[in-house]
Amino acid sequence: MNPRTSCSLVVLLMSTFALGAVATGAGAAMPLPQVWTGVLEVPADNQKIGAVQDIEVNVWAQSSAEEIQALGTTLHLDGQNGLRPAMFKLEHKAWVRIGRAAATDVGLVRVVDLPDGSRRLRLVSAHPVRMLDSSDSVGSNEHPFGFIEMIVHSDGTTEGQMLSAASITFADAGTIQIQSAGAPAVPILDVTVELKASAAN
């Protein structure tokens, strides 16, 4: 998979959390907990953590359509400065760990089985994703969120990407834009998903 730039990622995700499309992601109850794993292909200019790093996402609950709708309304009315405090109040539904860094808690999670047989995970953290240790998730007022997308296609191919520090803005036509702090999205390779007896611990 070729690395996607931050700009093309925004185009791809214009309807990720679109208010009018939230209900379409509901459907049948998703079996949980799930553990998603992959390998980050770290850009050459950011290899102080190594050229590749394992990524693990443990998911034990999903965000409801109503919860996402409420967050979308908050973003629309108050911008991301209002969205982040609202996300701090969410119960944790997942965590993500890069290599041996401390895990980053996640409050916004959607796992969806798509019509073509693919399974897609998208999550947003109220903190940037920790890449090195427990102290590097402070972020900035402009890019305070972490975003991850991982997909396993029905033919066995996989793809994924991560924005360790991202901004979230409300665009026109009820769509959401998620944009990197400047670096391209980090590709995630060799994605797998498994059901586990307990992924929350």
N, C-alpha and C. Protein backbone atom coordinates (compact mmCIF):
# COMPACT_ATOMS: atom_id res chain seq x y z
N MET A 1 0.84 -1.18 0.00
CA MET A 1 0.00 0.00 0.00
C MET A 1 0.88 1.23 0.00
N ASN A 2 0.62 2.18 -0.86
CA ASN A 2 1.38 3.41 -0.90
C ASN A 2 0.94 4.34 0.21
N PRO A 3 1.88 5.04 0.87
CA PRO A 3 1.50 5.98 1.91
C PRO A 3 0.59 7.06 1.35
N ARG A 4 -0.45 7.41 2.10
CA ARG A 4 -1.36 8.47 1.69
C ARG A 4 -0.94 9.75 2.37
N THR A 5 -1.01 10.85 1.66
CA THR A 5 -0.71 12.13 2.28
C THR A 5 -1.86 12.54 3.17
N SER A 6 -1.59 13.53 4.04
CA SER A 6 -2.64 14.00 4.93
C SER A 6 -3.81 14.58 4.15
N CYS A 7 -3.54 15.23 3.03
CA CYS A 7 -4.62 15.83 2.25
C CYS A 7 -5.54 14.77 1.65
N SER A 8 -4.99 13.70 1.07
CA SER A 8 -5.83 12.67 0.48
C SER A 8 -6.59 11.92 1.55
N LEU A 9 -6.02 11.82 2.75
CA LEU A 9 -6.72 11.16 3.85
C LEU A 9 -7.97 11.94 4.22
N VAL A 10 -7.87 13.24 4.20
CA VAL A 10 -9.04 14.06 4.51
C VAL A 10 -10.15 13.79 3.50
N VAL A 11 -9.82 13.70 2.22
CA VAL A 11 -10.83 13.42 1.21
C VAL A 11 -11.47 12.05 1.45
N LEU A 12 -10.63 11.06 1.77
CA LEU A 12 -11.13 9.71 2.02
C LEU A 12 -12.10 9.68 3.18
N LEU A 13 -11.86 10.50 4.20
CA LEU A 13 -12.62 10.43 5.43
C LEU A 13 -13.69 11.50 5.54
N MET A 14 -14.07 12.13 4.45
CA MET A 14 -15.08 13.17 4.51
C MET A 14 -16.37 12.70 5.15
N SER A 15 -16.72 11.41 5.00
CA SER A 15 -17.97 10.92 5.56
C SER A 15 -17.75 9.95 6.72
N THR A 16 -16.55 9.94 7.30
CA THR A 16 -16.25 9.01 8.37
C THR A 16 -17.25 9.11 9.51
N PHE A 17 -17.48 10.31 9.98
CA PHE A 17 -18.42 10.52 11.06
C PHE A 17 -19.50 11.51 10.63
N ALA A 18 -19.88 11.45 9.33
CA ALA A 18 -20.92 12.35 8.84
C ALA A 18 -22.20 12.14 9.63
N LEU A 19 -22.83 13.23 10.02
CA LEU A 19 -24.01 13.13 10.86
C LEU A 19 -25.13 12.35 10.18
N GLY A 20 -25.29 12.56 8.88
CA GLY A 20 -26.36 11.87 8.18
C GLY A 20 -26.08 10.41 7.89
N ALA A 21 -24.82 9.99 8.10
CA ALA A 21 -24.44 8.61 7.75
C ALA A 21 -24.22 7.75 8.98
N VAL A 22 -24.42 8.31 10.17
CA VAL A 22 -24.14 7.55 11.38
C VAL A 22 -24.98 6.29 11.46
N ALA A 23 -26.25 6.39 11.13
CA ALA A 23 -27.15 5.25 11.29
C ALA A 23 -26.76 4.08 10.40
N THR A 24 -26.14 4.35 9.27
CA THR A 24 -25.78 3.28 8.35
C THR A 24 -24.68 2.40 8.92
N GLY A 25 -23.95 2.91 9.93
CA GLY A 25 -22.90 2.11 10.53
C GLY A 25 -23.40 1.24 11.66
N ALA A 26 -24.69 1.27 11.96
CA ALA A 26 -25.23 0.53 13.09
C ALA A 26 -25.32 -0.95 12.75
N GLY A 27 -26.45 -1.42 12.22
CA GLY A 27 -26.57 -2.81 11.78
C GLY A 27 -26.56 -3.77 12.95
N ALA A 28 -26.23 -5.03 12.67
CA ALA A 28 -26.23 -6.08 13.69
C ALA A 28 -25.12 -5.84 14.70
N ALA A 29 -25.32 -6.39 15.91
CA ALA A 29 -24.34 -6.23 16.96
C ALA A 29 -23.02 -6.87 16.54
N MET A 30 -21.92 -6.14 16.76
CA MET A 30 -20.60 -6.62 16.41
C MET A 30 -20.04 -7.49 17.53
N PRO A 31 -19.51 -8.68 17.23
CA PRO A 31 -18.90 -9.50 18.29
C PRO A 31 -17.68 -8.81 18.88
N LEU A 32 -17.68 -8.67 20.18
CA LEU A 32 -16.59 -8.02 20.90
C LEU A 32 -16.24 -8.85 22.12
N PRO A 33 -15.03 -8.74 22.66
CA PRO A 33 -13.93 -7.85 22.25
C PRO A 33 -13.18 -8.36 21.02
N GLN A 34 -12.48 -7.42 20.38
CA GLN A 34 -11.65 -7.74 19.23
C GLN A 34 -10.26 -7.15 19.45
N VAL A 35 -9.27 -7.82 18.89
CA VAL A 35 -7.90 -7.32 18.91
C VAL A 35 -7.43 -7.17 17.47
N TRP A 36 -7.08 -5.94 17.10
CA TRP A 36 -6.55 -5.65 15.78
C TRP A 36 -5.05 -5.43 15.90
N THR A 37 -4.30 -6.00 14.99
CA THR A 37 -2.85 -5.83 15.01
C THR A 37 -2.35 -5.50 13.61
N GLY A 38 -1.17 -4.91 13.55
CA GLY A 38 -0.55 -4.58 12.28
C GLY A 38 0.87 -4.09 12.52
N VAL A 39 1.48 -3.59 11.45
CA VAL A 39 2.85 -3.08 11.51
C VAL A 39 2.87 -1.67 10.93
N LEU A 40 3.33 -0.72 11.74
CA LEU A 40 3.48 0.66 11.27
C LEU A 40 4.74 0.79 10.43
N GLU A 41 4.59 1.44 9.28
CA GLU A 41 5.75 1.73 8.41
C GLU A 41 6.14 3.18 8.65
N VAL A 42 7.06 3.38 9.57
CA VAL A 42 7.40 4.73 10.04
C VAL A 42 8.17 5.48 8.95
N PRO A 43 7.80 6.75 8.65
CA PRO A 43 8.51 7.53 7.63
C PRO A 43 10.00 7.68 7.96
N ALA A 44 10.80 7.81 6.94
CA ALA A 44 12.26 7.88 7.11
C ALA A 44 12.68 9.07 7.96
N ASP A 45 11.91 10.18 7.94
CA ASP A 45 12.29 11.36 8.71
C ASP A 45 11.81 11.30 10.15
N ASN A 46 11.22 10.17 10.56
CA ASN A 46 10.73 10.04 11.93
C ASN A 46 11.06 8.64 12.47
N GLN A 47 12.29 8.22 12.28
CA GLN A 47 12.65 6.86 12.64
C GLN A 47 13.39 6.75 13.97
N LYS A 48 13.21 7.74 14.84
CA LYS A 48 13.82 7.60 16.16
C LYS A 48 13.15 6.48 16.95
N ILE A 49 11.95 6.03 16.51
CA ILE A 49 11.31 4.89 17.16
C ILE A 49 11.55 3.60 16.38
N GLY A 50 12.30 3.69 15.27
CA GLY A 50 12.56 2.52 14.45
C GLY A 50 11.78 2.57 13.15
N ALA A 51 12.26 1.88 12.12
CA ALA A 51 11.64 1.93 10.80
C ALA A 51 10.26 1.29 10.78
N VAL A 52 10.06 0.27 11.60
CA VAL A 52 8.74 -0.37 11.72
C VAL A 52 8.44 -0.59 13.19
N GLN A 53 7.16 -0.56 13.53
CA GLN A 53 6.74 -0.80 14.90
C GLN A 53 5.43 -1.58 14.87
N ASP A 54 5.28 -2.53 15.77
CA ASP A 54 4.00 -3.22 15.90
C ASP A 54 2.96 -2.27 16.47
N ILE A 55 1.71 -2.44 16.02
CA ILE A 55 0.59 -1.70 16.57
C ILE A 55 -0.48 -2.70 16.99
N GLU A 56 -1.05 -2.50 18.16
CA GLU A 56 -2.11 -3.36 18.67
C GLU A 56 -3.26 -2.50 19.18
N VAL A 57 -4.47 -2.82 18.74
CA VAL A 57 -5.67 -2.11 19.18
C VAL A 57 -6.61 -3.11 19.83
N ASN A 58 -6.91 -2.91 21.09
CA ASN A 58 -7.85 -3.76 21.82
C ASN A 58 -9.18 -3.03 21.94
N VAL A 59 -10.24 -3.61 21.41
CA VAL A 59 -11.57 -2.99 21.40
C VAL A 59 -12.53 -3.86 22.19
N TRP A 60 -13.19 -3.29 23.19
CA TRP A 60 -14.17 -4.05 23.96
C TRP A 60 -15.57 -3.43 23.96
N ALA A 61 -15.73 -2.27 23.32
CA ALA A 61 -17.05 -1.65 23.20
C ALA A 61 -17.05 -0.72 22.00
N GLN A 62 -18.24 -0.43 21.48
CA GLN A 62 -18.38 0.49 20.37
C GLN A 62 -19.12 1.75 20.79
N SER A 63 -18.89 2.83 20.07
CA SER A 63 -19.67 4.05 20.26
C SER A 63 -21.04 3.86 19.62
N SER A 64 -22.06 4.31 20.30
CA SER A 64 -23.41 4.23 19.74
C SER A 64 -23.62 5.33 18.72
N ALA A 65 -24.62 5.14 17.86
CA ALA A 65 -24.96 6.17 16.88
C ALA A 65 -25.35 7.46 17.58
N GLU A 66 -26.06 7.34 18.70
CA GLU A 66 -26.49 8.53 19.44
C GLU A 66 -25.29 9.28 20.02
N GLU A 67 -24.31 8.54 20.49
CA GLU A 67 -23.11 9.15 21.05
C GLU A 67 -22.35 9.92 19.97
N ILE A 68 -22.20 9.31 18.81
CA ILE A 68 -21.50 9.97 17.71
C ILE A 68 -22.28 11.18 17.24
N GLN A 69 -23.60 11.06 17.18
CA GLN A 69 -24.44 12.19 16.79
C GLN A 69 -24.22 13.37 17.73
N ALA A 70 -24.19 13.10 19.04
CA ALA A 70 -24.00 14.16 20.02
C ALA A 70 -22.62 14.81 19.87
N LEU A 71 -21.59 13.99 19.63
CA LEU A 71 -20.25 14.53 19.43
C LEU A 71 -20.18 15.37 18.16
N GLY A 72 -20.86 14.93 17.12
CA GLY A 72 -20.89 15.70 15.88
C GLY A 72 -21.56 17.05 16.06
N THR A 73 -22.63 17.07 16.85
CA THR A 73 -23.32 18.33 17.13
C THR A 73 -22.41 19.27 17.92
N THR A 74 -21.69 18.70 18.90
CA THR A 74 -20.75 19.51 19.69
C THR A 74 -19.68 20.10 18.80
N LEU A 75 -19.13 19.28 17.90
CA LEU A 75 -18.10 19.77 16.98
C LEU A 75 -18.65 20.89 16.10
N HIS A 76 -19.87 20.71 15.61
CA HIS A 76 -20.49 21.71 14.74
C HIS A 76 -20.68 23.03 15.46
N LEU A 77 -21.12 22.97 16.71
CA LEU A 77 -21.44 24.19 17.45
C LEU A 77 -20.22 24.83 18.10
N ASP A 78 -19.31 24.00 18.62
CA ASP A 78 -18.22 24.52 19.46
C ASP A 78 -16.83 24.24 18.91
N GLY A 79 -16.74 23.57 17.76
CA GLY A 79 -15.43 23.28 17.19
C GLY A 79 -14.70 22.22 18.00
N GLN A 80 -13.44 21.96 17.63
CA GLN A 80 -12.71 20.90 18.31
C GLN A 80 -12.33 21.30 19.74
N ASN A 81 -12.33 22.61 20.05
CA ASN A 81 -12.09 23.02 21.43
C ASN A 81 -13.23 22.61 22.35
N GLY A 82 -14.42 22.42 21.78
CA GLY A 82 -15.54 21.90 22.55
C GLY A 82 -15.62 20.39 22.47
N LEU A 83 -15.18 19.83 21.34
CA LEU A 83 -15.25 18.38 21.15
C LEU A 83 -14.34 17.64 22.13
N ARG A 84 -13.14 18.15 22.33
CA ARG A 84 -12.19 17.41 23.16
C ARG A 84 -12.66 17.25 24.61
N PRO A 85 -13.14 18.31 25.27
CA PRO A 85 -13.68 18.10 26.62
C PRO A 85 -14.85 17.12 26.66
N ALA A 86 -15.68 17.12 25.59
CA ALA A 86 -16.79 16.16 25.53
C ALA A 86 -16.26 14.73 25.42
N MET A 87 -15.16 14.55 24.69
CA MET A 87 -14.59 13.21 24.54
C MET A 87 -13.91 12.74 25.83
N PHE A 88 -13.42 13.68 26.64
CA PHE A 88 -12.84 13.29 27.93
C PHE A 88 -13.86 12.61 28.83
N LYS A 89 -15.14 12.90 28.63
CA LYS A 89 -16.20 12.35 29.46
C LYS A 89 -16.64 10.97 29.01
N LEU A 90 -16.18 10.51 27.85
CA LEU A 90 -16.59 9.21 27.33
C LEU A 90 -15.93 8.09 28.12
N GLU A 91 -16.65 6.99 28.26
CA GLU A 91 -16.02 5.79 28.80
C GLU A 91 -15.02 5.25 27.77
N HIS A 92 -13.92 4.73 28.25
CA HIS A 92 -12.93 4.15 27.34
C HIS A 92 -13.49 2.87 26.73
N LYS A 93 -13.34 2.75 25.42
CA LYS A 93 -13.86 1.60 24.69
C LYS A 93 -12.76 0.78 24.04
N ALA A 94 -11.54 1.30 24.06
CA ALA A 94 -10.41 0.63 23.42
C ALA A 94 -9.13 1.26 23.91
N TRP A 95 -8.02 0.59 23.62
CA TRP A 95 -6.72 1.23 23.76
C TRP A 95 -5.84 0.79 22.60
N VAL A 96 -4.85 1.63 22.30
CA VAL A 96 -3.91 1.34 21.22
C VAL A 96 -2.50 1.44 21.77
N ARG A 97 -1.65 0.50 21.38
CA ARG A 97 -0.26 0.51 21.82
C ARG A 97 0.65 0.41 20.60
N ILE A 98 1.66 1.28 20.55
CA ILE A 98 2.68 1.26 19.50
C ILE A 98 3.96 0.71 20.10
N GLY A 99 4.43 -0.43 19.58
CA GLY A 99 5.66 -1.01 20.10
C GLY A 99 5.56 -1.24 21.60
N ARG A 100 6.52 -0.72 22.35
CA ARG A 100 6.54 -0.87 23.80
C ARG A 100 6.10 0.39 24.53
N ALA A 101 5.56 1.36 23.79
CA ALA A 101 5.09 2.59 24.42
C ALA A 101 3.87 2.31 25.29
N ALA A 102 3.59 3.21 26.20
CA ALA A 102 2.38 3.08 27.01
C ALA A 102 1.16 3.17 26.12
N ALA A 103 0.09 2.48 26.50
CA ALA A 103 -1.13 2.47 25.69
C ALA A 103 -1.82 3.82 25.74
N THR A 104 -2.51 4.16 24.65
CA THR A 104 -3.33 5.36 24.57
C THR A 104 -4.79 4.95 24.65
N ASP A 105 -5.54 5.52 25.58
CA ASP A 105 -6.97 5.20 25.73
C ASP A 105 -7.79 5.83 24.61
N VAL A 106 -8.86 5.14 24.22
CA VAL A 106 -9.70 5.59 23.11
C VAL A 106 -11.17 5.59 23.55
N GLY A 107 -11.87 6.68 23.25
CA GLY A 107 -13.27 6.79 23.63
C GLY A 107 -14.25 6.71 22.48
N LEU A 108 -13.78 6.89 21.23
CA LEU A 108 -14.66 6.87 20.06
C LEU A 108 -14.24 5.74 19.14
N VAL A 109 -15.11 4.73 18.97
CA VAL A 109 -14.76 3.52 18.23
C VAL A 109 -15.93 3.10 17.35
N ARG A 110 -15.63 2.78 16.09
CA ARG A 110 -16.61 2.16 15.18
C ARG A 110 -15.95 0.98 14.48
N VAL A 111 -16.56 -0.20 14.60
CA VAL A 111 -16.15 -1.39 13.85
C VAL A 111 -17.34 -1.78 13.00
N VAL A 112 -17.15 -1.83 11.69
CA VAL A 112 -18.27 -2.02 10.76
C VAL A 112 -17.94 -3.12 9.75
N ASP A 113 -18.88 -4.03 9.54
CA ASP A 113 -18.80 -4.97 8.43
C ASP A 113 -19.41 -4.30 7.21
N LEU A 114 -18.62 -4.14 6.15
CA LEU A 114 -19.05 -3.43 4.95
C LEU A 114 -19.75 -4.38 3.97
N PRO A 115 -20.57 -3.83 3.06
CA PRO A 115 -21.31 -4.67 2.11
C PRO A 115 -20.44 -5.58 1.27
N ASP A 116 -19.18 -5.18 1.00
CA ASP A 116 -18.30 -6.01 0.17
C ASP A 116 -17.61 -7.12 0.95
N GLY A 117 -17.96 -7.28 2.24
CA GLY A 117 -17.36 -8.33 3.04
C GLY A 117 -16.14 -7.90 3.83
N SER A 118 -15.73 -6.65 3.69
CA SER A 118 -14.60 -6.14 4.45
C SER A 118 -15.04 -5.77 5.86
N ARG A 119 -14.09 -5.75 6.78
CA ARG A 119 -14.33 -5.25 8.13
C ARG A 119 -13.41 -4.05 8.37
N ARG A 120 -14.01 -2.96 8.87
CA ARG A 120 -13.26 -1.71 9.03
C ARG A 120 -13.34 -1.21 10.47
N LEU A 121 -12.20 -0.84 11.00
CA LEU A 121 -12.10 -0.21 12.31
C LEU A 121 -11.69 1.23 12.13
N ARG A 122 -12.41 2.14 12.78
CA ARG A 122 -12.00 3.54 12.85
C ARG A 122 -12.11 3.99 14.30
N LEU A 123 -11.10 4.67 14.78
CA LEU A 123 -11.16 5.15 16.16
C LEU A 123 -10.50 6.52 16.27
N VAL A 124 -11.00 7.27 17.25
CA VAL A 124 -10.46 8.60 17.54
C VAL A 124 -10.19 8.67 19.04
N SER A 125 -8.99 9.10 19.40
CA SER A 125 -8.63 9.31 20.79
C SER A 125 -8.62 10.80 21.09
N ALA A 126 -8.96 11.15 22.32
CA ALA A 126 -8.89 12.55 22.75
C ALA A 126 -7.45 12.98 23.00
N HIS A 127 -6.51 12.06 22.82
CA HIS A 127 -5.07 12.35 22.97
C HIS A 127 -4.35 11.92 21.70
N PRO A 128 -3.24 12.57 21.35
CA PRO A 128 -2.38 12.01 20.31
C PRO A 128 -1.91 10.61 20.69
N VAL A 129 -1.68 9.77 19.71
CA VAL A 129 -1.24 8.39 19.98
C VAL A 129 0.21 8.40 20.45
N ARG A 130 0.47 7.75 21.57
CA ARG A 130 1.83 7.68 22.10
C ARG A 130 2.70 6.83 21.17
N MET A 131 3.82 7.41 20.75
CA MET A 131 4.73 6.70 19.86
C MET A 131 6.00 6.24 20.57
N LEU A 132 6.37 6.91 21.67
CA LEU A 132 7.63 6.60 22.33
C LEU A 132 7.44 6.13 23.76
N ASP A 133 6.80 6.95 24.59
CA ASP A 133 6.62 6.60 26.00
C ASP A 133 5.38 7.30 26.53
N SER A 134 5.20 7.27 27.84
CA SER A 134 3.99 7.82 28.44
C SER A 134 3.97 9.33 28.47
N SER A 135 5.06 9.99 28.08
CA SER A 135 5.14 11.44 28.20
C SER A 135 4.97 12.18 26.89
N ASP A 136 4.77 11.47 25.78
CA ASP A 136 4.77 12.17 24.48
C ASP A 136 3.38 12.28 23.87
N SER A 137 2.33 12.38 24.70
CA SER A 137 0.98 12.47 24.17
C SER A 137 0.32 13.81 24.47
N VAL A 138 1.14 14.84 24.74
CA VAL A 138 0.59 16.14 25.08
C VAL A 138 -0.08 16.79 23.88
N GLY A 139 0.56 16.75 22.72
CA GLY A 139 -0.03 17.28 21.50
C GLY A 139 -0.08 18.80 21.53
N SER A 140 -1.00 19.36 20.73
CA SER A 140 -1.15 20.81 20.64
C SER A 140 -2.62 21.15 20.55
N ASN A 141 -2.93 22.42 20.75
CA ASN A 141 -4.33 22.85 20.62
C ASN A 141 -4.84 22.68 19.21
N GLU A 142 -3.93 22.74 18.23
CA GLU A 142 -4.34 22.63 16.82
C GLU A 142 -4.57 21.19 16.40
N HIS A 143 -3.79 20.25 16.96
CA HIS A 143 -3.87 18.84 16.55
C HIS A 143 -3.85 17.95 17.80
N PRO A 144 -4.94 17.94 18.56
CA PRO A 144 -4.93 17.25 19.86
C PRO A 144 -5.40 15.80 19.83
N PHE A 145 -5.82 15.29 18.67
CA PHE A 145 -6.45 13.97 18.60
C PHE A 145 -5.53 12.94 17.95
N GLY A 146 -5.82 11.66 18.19
CA GLY A 146 -5.21 10.56 17.46
C GLY A 146 -6.28 9.86 16.63
N PHE A 147 -5.91 9.42 15.43
CA PHE A 147 -6.87 8.74 14.55
C PHE A 147 -6.23 7.51 13.93
N ILE A 148 -6.99 6.41 13.89
CA ILE A 148 -6.52 5.16 13.28
C ILE A 148 -7.64 4.55 12.46
N GLU A 149 -7.29 4.04 11.29
CA GLU A 149 -8.21 3.25 10.45
C GLU A 149 -7.49 1.97 10.04
N MET A 150 -8.17 0.82 10.19
CA MET A 150 -7.62 -0.47 9.76
C MET A 150 -8.73 -1.24 9.05
N ILE A 151 -8.40 -1.88 7.93
CA ILE A 151 -9.38 -2.60 7.12
C ILE A 151 -8.84 -3.97 6.74
N VAL A 152 -9.66 -4.99 6.92
CA VAL A 152 -9.37 -6.33 6.41
C VAL A 152 -10.40 -6.63 5.32
N HIS A 153 -9.94 -6.78 4.08
CA HIS A 153 -10.85 -7.01 2.96
C HIS A 153 -11.22 -8.49 2.85
N SER A 154 -12.32 -8.75 2.17
CA SER A 154 -12.81 -10.12 2.03
C SER A 154 -11.85 -11.01 1.26
N ASP A 155 -11.00 -10.41 0.41
CA ASP A 155 -10.05 -11.21 -0.37
C ASP A 155 -8.74 -11.45 0.39
N GLY A 156 -8.70 -11.01 1.66
CA GLY A 156 -7.51 -11.24 2.47
C GLY A 156 -6.51 -10.09 2.46
N THR A 157 -6.68 -9.13 1.56
CA THR A 157 -5.78 -7.98 1.56
C THR A 157 -6.16 -7.04 2.70
N THR A 158 -5.19 -6.26 3.13
CA THR A 158 -5.41 -5.37 4.27
C THR A 158 -4.82 -3.99 3.99
N GLU A 159 -5.28 -3.03 4.75
CA GLU A 159 -4.70 -1.69 4.70
C GLU A 159 -5.02 -0.96 5.99
N GLY A 160 -4.25 0.07 6.25
CA GLY A 160 -4.49 0.87 7.44
C GLY A 160 -3.65 2.11 7.41
N GLN A 161 -3.99 3.03 8.31
CA GLN A 161 -3.25 4.27 8.39
C GLN A 161 -3.49 4.91 9.75
N MET A 162 -2.53 5.70 10.19
CA MET A 162 -2.63 6.37 11.47
C MET A 162 -2.18 7.81 11.36
N LEU A 163 -2.93 8.70 12.00
CA LEU A 163 -2.50 10.07 12.23
C LEU A 163 -2.27 10.17 13.73
N SER A 164 -1.01 10.25 14.15
CA SER A 164 -0.73 10.26 15.58
C SER A 164 -1.17 11.55 16.23
N ALA A 165 -1.18 12.66 15.49
CA ALA A 165 -1.66 13.95 15.98
C ALA A 165 -2.48 14.60 14.89
N ALA A 166 -3.76 14.83 15.16
CA ALA A 166 -4.67 15.28 14.10
C ALA A 166 -5.63 16.35 14.60
N SER A 167 -6.14 17.12 13.66
CA SER A 167 -7.22 18.06 13.95
C SER A 167 -8.52 17.50 13.38
N ILE A 168 -9.65 17.88 13.98
CA ILE A 168 -10.96 17.46 13.50
C ILE A 168 -11.81 18.71 13.34
N THR A 169 -12.29 18.95 12.12
CA THR A 169 -13.09 20.13 11.85
C THR A 169 -14.38 19.74 11.15
N PHE A 170 -15.40 20.56 11.32
CA PHE A 170 -16.70 20.34 10.69
C PHE A 170 -16.69 21.04 9.34
N ALA A 171 -16.95 20.28 8.27
CA ALA A 171 -16.97 20.83 6.93
C ALA A 171 -18.42 21.07 6.50
N ASP A 172 -18.61 21.35 5.22
CA ASP A 172 -19.97 21.57 4.73
C ASP A 172 -20.67 20.24 4.51
N ALA A 173 -21.97 20.30 4.28
CA ALA A 173 -22.80 19.12 4.00
C ALA A 173 -22.74 18.08 5.12
N GLY A 174 -22.52 18.54 6.36
CA GLY A 174 -22.55 17.63 7.49
C GLY A 174 -21.42 16.64 7.54
N THR A 175 -20.26 16.97 6.98
CA THR A 175 -19.14 16.05 6.96
C THR A 175 -18.02 16.51 7.90
N ILE A 176 -17.18 15.56 8.26
CA ILE A 176 -16.09 15.82 9.19
C ILE A 176 -14.77 15.66 8.45
N GLN A 177 -13.83 16.59 8.69
CA GLN A 177 -12.49 16.47 8.14
C GLN A 177 -11.50 16.15 9.26
N ILE A 178 -10.66 15.15 9.01
CA ILE A 178 -9.61 14.77 9.96
C ILE A 178 -8.27 14.96 9.25
N GLN A 179 -7.43 15.82 9.80
CA GLN A 179 -6.21 16.19 9.09
C GLN A 179 -5.00 16.08 10.00
N SER A 180 -3.90 15.63 9.41
CA SER A 180 -2.65 15.44 10.13
C SER A 180 -2.04 16.77 10.56
N ALA A 181 -1.17 16.68 11.58
CA ALA A 181 -0.43 17.87 12.01
C ALA A 181 0.54 18.35 10.94
N GLY A 182 0.74 17.59 9.89
CA GLY A 182 1.63 18.00 8.81
C GLY A 182 2.27 16.83 8.11
N ALA A 183 2.61 15.80 8.87
CA ALA A 183 3.23 14.61 8.27
C ALA A 183 2.18 13.77 7.55
N PRO A 184 2.57 13.01 6.54
CA PRO A 184 1.62 12.09 5.89
C PRO A 184 1.11 11.05 6.87
N ALA A 185 -0.02 10.47 6.54
CA ALA A 185 -0.53 9.36 7.34
C ALA A 185 0.48 8.22 7.35
N VAL A 186 0.66 7.60 8.52
CA VAL A 186 1.60 6.48 8.63
C VAL A 186 0.89 5.21 8.20
N PRO A 187 1.38 4.49 7.17
CA PRO A 187 0.72 3.26 6.72
C PRO A 187 0.78 2.18 7.79
N ILE A 188 -0.28 1.37 7.85
CA ILE A 188 -0.31 0.19 8.71
C ILE A 188 -0.43 -1.03 7.81
N LEU A 189 0.50 -1.95 7.90
CA LEU A 189 0.56 -3.12 7.04
C LEU A 189 0.20 -4.38 7.81
N ASP A 190 -0.11 -5.44 7.07
CA ASP A 190 -0.32 -6.78 7.66
C ASP A 190 -1.37 -6.77 8.77
N VAL A 191 -2.52 -6.16 8.49
CA VAL A 191 -3.57 -6.03 9.49
C VAL A 191 -4.27 -7.37 9.71
N THR A 192 -4.50 -7.71 10.97
CA THR A 192 -5.31 -8.87 11.31
C THR A 192 -6.29 -8.48 12.41
N VAL A 193 -7.38 -9.24 12.52
CA VAL A 193 -8.36 -9.00 13.58
C VAL A 193 -8.77 -10.35 14.17
N GLU A 194 -8.82 -10.41 15.49
CA GLU A 194 -9.19 -11.64 16.19
C GLU A 194 -10.18 -11.33 17.29
N LEU A 195 -11.07 -12.29 17.56
CA LEU A 195 -11.95 -12.22 18.71
C LEU A 195 -11.19 -12.75 19.92
N LYS A 196 -11.35 -12.09 21.06
CA LYS A 196 -10.65 -12.50 22.27
C LYS A 196 -11.64 -12.64 23.42
N ALA A 197 -11.26 -13.46 24.39
CA ALA A 197 -12.12 -13.65 25.56
C ALA A 197 -12.21 -12.38 26.39
N SER A 198 -11.10 -11.66 26.50
CA SER A 198 -11.10 -10.41 27.25
C SER A 198 -10.00 -9.52 26.73
N ALA A 199 -10.40 -8.43 26.04
CA ALA A 199 -9.43 -7.52 25.47
C ALA A 199 -9.26 -6.26 26.30
N ALA A 200 -10.07 -6.10 27.33
CA ALA A 200 -10.02 -4.87 28.11
C ALA A 200 -8.93 -4.89 29.15
N ASN A 201 -8.37 -6.07 29.45
CA ASN A 201 -7.37 -6.16 30.52
C ASN A 201 -5.96 -6.29 29.96
